[in-house]
C-alpha atoms as a PDB file:
ATOM      1  CA  MET A   1       0.000   0.000   0.000  1.00  0.00           C
ATOM      2  CA  MET A   2       1.160   3.488  -0.852  1.00  0.00           C
ATOM      3  CA  ARG A   3       2.437   5.446   2.159  1.00  0.00           C
ATOM      4  CA  ASN A   4       1.553   8.939   0.916  1.00  0.00           C
ATOM      5  CA  PRO A   5      -0.826   8.777  -2.062  1.00  0.00           C
ATOM      6  CA  GLY A   6      -1.143  12.554  -2.425  1.00  0.00           C
ATOM      7  CA  ARG A   7       2.594  13.078  -2.650  1.00  0.00           C
ATOM      8  CA  THR A   8       3.365  10.001  -4.779  1.00  0.00           C
ATOM      9  CA  ILE A   9       0.569  10.656  -7.261  1.00  0.00           C
ATOM     10  CA  GLY A  10       1.185  14.420  -7.224  1.00  0.00           C
ATOM     11  CA  THR A  11       4.802  13.830  -8.218  1.00  0.00           C
ATOM     12  CA  ILE A  12       3.722  11.635 -11.140  1.00  0.00           C
ATOM     13  CA  ILE A  13       1.249  14.319 -12.282  1.00  0.00           C
ATOM     14  CA  ASP A  14       3.824  17.120 -12.017  1.00  0.00           C
ATOM     15  CA  LYS A  15       6.526  15.210 -13.906  1.00  0.00           C
ATOM     16  CA  ALA A  16       4.249  13.927 -16.681  1.00  0.00           C
ATOM     17  CA  SER A  17       4.393  16.128 -19.757  1.00  0.00           C
ATOM     18  CA  THR A  18       1.205  14.522 -21.063  1.00  0.00           C
ATOM     19  CA  ALA A  19      -2.179  13.826 -19.502  1.00  0.00           C
ATOM     20  CA  TYR A  20      -4.595  11.456 -21.208  1.00  0.00           C
ATOM     21  CA  ILE A  21      -8.185  12.560 -20.721  1.00  0.00           C
ATOM     22  CA  SER A  22     -11.189  10.446 -21.603  1.00  0.00           C
ATOM     23  CA  SER A  23     -14.781  11.364 -22.284  1.00  0.00           C
ATOM     24  CA  VAL A  24     -17.817   9.312 -23.280  1.00  0.00           C
ATOM     25  CA  ASP A  25     -19.357   9.739 -26.732  1.00  0.00           C
ATOM     26  CA  LYS A  26     -23.070   9.633 -27.600  1.00  0.00           C
ATOM     27  CA  ASP A  27     -22.832   5.881 -28.294  1.00  0.00           C
ATOM     28  CA  GLY A  28     -21.316   5.204 -24.844  1.00  0.00           C
ATOM     29  CA  TYR A  29     -17.749   4.594 -26.052  1.00  0.00           C
ATOM     30  CA  PRO A  30     -14.689   6.070 -24.346  1.00  0.00           C
ATOM     31  CA  ASN A  31     -12.754   8.713 -26.281  1.00  0.00           C
ATOM     32  CA  THR A  32      -9.192   9.451 -25.141  1.00  0.00           C
ATOM     33  CA  LYS A  33      -7.047  12.438 -26.025  1.00  0.00           C
ATOM     34  CA  ALA A  34      -3.507  13.467 -25.107  1.00  0.00           C
ATOM     35  CA  MET A  35      -3.349  16.885 -23.453  1.00  0.00           C
ATOM     36  CA  LEU A  36      -0.666  19.002 -21.850  1.00  0.00           C
ATOM     37  CA  GLN A  37      -0.398  18.478 -18.097  1.00  0.00           C
ATOM     38  CA  PRO A  38      -2.910  20.364 -15.915  1.00  0.00           C
ATOM     39  CA  ARG A  39      -2.299  24.098 -15.650  1.00  0.00           C
ATOM     40  CA  ASN A  40      -3.301  24.117 -12.018  1.00  0.00           C
ATOM     41  CA  ARG A  41      -4.267  21.489  -9.476  1.00  0.00           C
ATOM     42  CA  ASP A  42      -5.500  21.242  -5.909  1.00  0.00           C
ATOM     43  CA  GLY A  43      -3.824  18.106  -4.623  1.00  0.00           C
ATOM     44  CA  ILE A  44      -4.939  15.122  -6.677  1.00  0.00           C
ATOM     45  CA  LYS A  45      -8.637  15.977  -6.322  1.00  0.00           C
ATOM     46  CA  THR A  46      -9.060  18.923  -8.711  1.00  0.00           C
ATOM     47  CA  MET A  47      -7.223  19.754 -11.942  1.00  0.00           C
ATOM     48  CA  TYR A  48      -7.635  22.451 -14.574  1.00  0.00           C
ATOM     49  CA  PHE A  49      -6.879  22.090 -18.285  1.00  0.00           C
ATOM     50  CA  THR A  50      -7.210  24.509 -21.222  1.00  0.00           C
ATOM     51  CA  THR A  51      -9.049  23.604 -24.409  1.00  0.00           C
ATOM     52  CA  ASN A  52     -11.074  24.983 -27.290  1.00  0.00           C
ATOM     53  CA  THR A  53     -14.736  25.634 -26.570  1.00  0.00           C
ATOM     54  CA  SER A  54     -15.494  24.380 -30.084  1.00  0.00           C
ATOM     55  CA  SER A  55     -13.845  20.980 -29.503  1.00  0.00           C
ATOM     56  CA  MET A  56     -15.618  17.637 -29.718  1.00  0.00           C
ATOM     57  CA  ARG A  57     -14.481  16.852 -26.173  1.00  0.00           C
ATOM     58  CA  VAL A  58     -16.283  19.910 -24.746  1.00  0.00           C
ATOM     59  CA  GLU A  59     -19.534  18.799 -26.380  1.00  0.00           C
ATOM     60  CA  GLN A  60     -19.101  15.299 -24.959  1.00  0.00           C
ATOM     61  CA  TYR A  61     -18.491  16.585 -21.415  1.00  0.00           C
ATOM     62  CA  LYS A  62     -21.571  18.811 -21.660  1.00  0.00           C
ATOM     63  CA  GLU A  63     -23.655  15.735 -22.562  1.00  0.00           C
ATOM     64  CA  ASN A  64     -22.012  13.350 -20.074  1.00  0.00           C
ATOM     65  CA  ASN A  65     -19.621  14.708 -17.457  1.00  0.00           C
ATOM     66  CA  LYS A  66     -18.074  11.326 -16.572  1.00  0.00           C
ATOM     67  CA  ALA A  67     -14.340  11.535 -17.148  1.00  0.00           C
ATOM     68  CA  CYS A  68     -11.053   9.790 -16.628  1.00  0.00           C
ATOM     69  CA  VAL A  69      -7.530  11.217 -16.536  1.00  0.00           C
ATOM     70  CA  TYR A  70      -4.387   9.067 -16.788  1.00  0.00           C
ATOM     71  CA  PHE A  71      -0.789   9.985 -16.031  1.00  0.00           C
ATOM     72  CA  ALA A  72       2.223   7.750 -16.675  1.00  0.00           C
ATOM     73  CA  ASP A  73       5.686   7.689 -15.156  1.00  0.00           C
ATOM     74  CA  LYS A  74       7.587   6.076 -18.031  1.00  0.00           C
ATOM     75  CA  ARG A  75      10.885   5.923 -16.155  1.00  0.00           C
ATOM     76  CA  PHE A  76       9.566   3.687 -13.354  1.00  0.00           C
ATOM     77  CA  PHE A  77       6.618   2.223 -15.319  1.00  0.00           C
ATOM     78  CA  ARG A  78       4.013   3.537 -12.893  1.00  0.00           C
ATOM     79  CA  GLY A  79       0.666   5.071 -13.648  1.00  0.00           C
ATOM     80  CA  ILE A  80      -2.396   6.612 -12.085  1.00  0.00           C
ATOM     81  CA  MET A  81      -5.899   6.538 -13.494  1.00  0.00           C
ATOM     82  CA  LEU A  82      -8.303   8.966 -11.862  1.00  0.00           C
ATOM     83  CA  ARG A  83     -12.069   8.687 -12.391  1.00  0.00           C
ATOM     84  CA  GLY A  84     -14.441  11.545 -11.794  1.00  0.00           C
ATOM     85  CA  THR A  85     -16.296  14.358 -13.506  1.00  0.00           C
ATOM     86  CA  MET A  86     -15.297  17.120 -15.920  1.00  0.00           C
ATOM     87  CA  GLU A  87     -16.897  20.573 -15.907  1.00  0.00           C
ATOM     88  CA  VAL A  88     -16.656  23.016 -18.813  1.00  0.00           C
ATOM     89  CA  LEU A  89     -16.016  26.497 -17.397  1.00  0.00           C
ATOM     90  CA  THR A  90     -16.221  29.715 -19.390  1.00  0.00           C
ATOM     91  CA  ASP A  91     -16.282  32.323 -16.601  1.00  0.00           C
ATOM     92  CA  ALA A  92     -13.566  34.982 -16.530  1.00  0.00           C
ATOM     93  CA  ALA A  93     -12.184  33.988 -13.103  1.00  0.00           C
ATOM     94  CA  HIS A  94     -11.339  30.420 -14.131  1.00  0.00           C
ATOM     95  CA  LYS A  95     -10.067  31.456 -17.558  1.00  0.00           C
ATOM     96  CA  GLU A  96      -7.737  34.010 -15.953  1.00  0.00           C
ATOM     97  CA  LEU A  97      -6.640  31.493 -13.290  1.00  0.00           C
ATOM     98  CA  ILE A  98      -4.876  29.263 -15.805  1.00  0.00           C
ATOM     99  CA  TRP A  99      -4.052  31.698 -18.645  1.00  0.00           C
ATOM    100  CA  ARG A 100      -0.354  31.863 -19.533  1.00  0.00           C
ATOM    101  CA  THR A 101       1.724  34.140 -21.704  1.00  0.00           C
ATOM    102  CA  GLY A 102       1.913  32.500 -25.104  1.00  0.00           C
ATOM    103  CA  ASP A 103      -1.662  31.195 -25.045  1.00  0.00           C
ATOM    104  CA  GLU A 104      -2.446  33.853 -27.675  1.00  0.00           C
ATOM    105  CA  LEU A 105      -0.984  31.388 -30.183  1.00  0.00           C
ATOM    106  CA  TYR A 106      -4.007  29.127 -29.603  1.00  0.00           C
ATOM    107  CA  TYR A 107      -6.515  31.774 -28.565  1.00  0.00           C
ATOM    108  CA  PRO A 108      -5.745  34.911 -30.639  1.00  0.00           C
ATOM    109  CA  LEU A 109      -8.404  37.031 -28.924  1.00  0.00           C
ATOM    110  CA  GLY A 110      -6.686  36.523 -25.556  1.00  0.00           C
ATOM    111  CA  VAL A 111      -8.192  35.414 -22.260  1.00  0.00           C
ATOM    112  CA  GLU A 112     -11.641  36.585 -23.398  1.00  0.00           C
ATOM    113  CA  ASP A 113     -11.521  34.500 -26.615  1.00  0.00           C
ATOM    114  CA  PRO A 114     -14.888  32.701 -26.863  1.00  0.00           C
ATOM    115  CA  ASP A 115     -13.056  29.603 -28.178  1.00  0.00           C
ATOM    116  CA  TYR A 116     -11.009  29.373 -24.952  1.00  0.00           C
ATOM    117  CA  CYS A 117     -12.432  27.495 -21.985  1.00  0.00           C
ATOM    118  CA  VAL A 118     -11.335  25.599 -18.918  1.00  0.00           C
ATOM    119  CA  LEU A 119     -11.897  21.931 -18.168  1.00  0.00           C
ATOM    120  CA  LYS A 120     -12.143  21.325 -14.413  1.00  0.00           C
ATOM    121  CA  PHE A 121     -11.638  17.686 -13.486  1.00  0.00           C
ATOM    122  CA  THR A 122     -12.730  16.487 -10.045  1.00  0.00           C
ATOM    123  CA  ALA A 123     -11.432  13.041  -9.094  1.00  0.00           C
ATOM    124  CA  HIS A 124     -13.490  10.658  -6.971  1.00  0.00           C
ATOM    125  CA  THR A 125     -11.598   7.367  -7.191  1.00  0.00           C
ATOM    126  CA  GLY A 126      -8.523   6.025  -8.877  1.00  0.00           C
ATOM    127  CA  ARG A 127      -6.285   3.088  -9.565  1.00  0.00           C
ATOM    128  CA  PHE A 128      -2.513   3.221  -9.063  1.00  0.00           C
ATOM    129  CA  TYR A 129      -0.119   0.817 -10.796  1.00  0.00           C
ATOM    130  CA  SER A 130       3.468   0.230  -9.651  1.00  0.00           C
ATOM    131  CA  ASN A 131       5.816  -2.746  -9.216  1.00  0.00           C
ATOM    132  CA  PHE A 132       3.504  -5.194 -11.031  1.00  0.00           C
ATOM    133  CA  LYS A 133       0.628  -4.405  -8.646  1.00  0.00           C
ATOM    134  CA  SER A 134      -2.455  -2.202  -8.766  1.00  0.00           C
ATOM    135  CA  GLU A 135      -4.394  -0.659  -5.920  1.00  0.00           C
ATOM    136  CA  ASP A 136      -7.669   1.233  -5.757  1.00  0.00           C
ATOM    137  CA  ILE A 137      -7.665   4.633  -4.102  1.00  0.00           C
ATOM    138  CA  VAL A 138     -10.403   6.976  -2.921  1.00  0.00           C
ATOM    139  CA  VAL A 139      -9.538  10.613  -3.560  1.00  0.00           C
END
């Protein structure tokens, strides 16, 4: 059993350059997409990602907010899958919270670009894999 899940999993999240997020399509199938790591996080419970409001993923989360996020530690062959819900946020406070210099490349109208939104993931449970073993965790 993991001694300090928050620290162990937090380290994996912070060192991963890629997050894999999954949504559910209208036919009930999982859809997975590689994203940049979260822009901001509160422990391992809440994470914030940037994306285009016009994306397929945003439409899927609006229809069904069930979500999964996976992070891998390739060096030690460990991984964490977190299950929870994804909210699509378009309010100024959240958009400003995770905006970074250089985002104009993706969102030319700046932080107020209508095609810029925030995905807020809230984890409920997870599954951690390390040393040929898996364990369930409650977040």
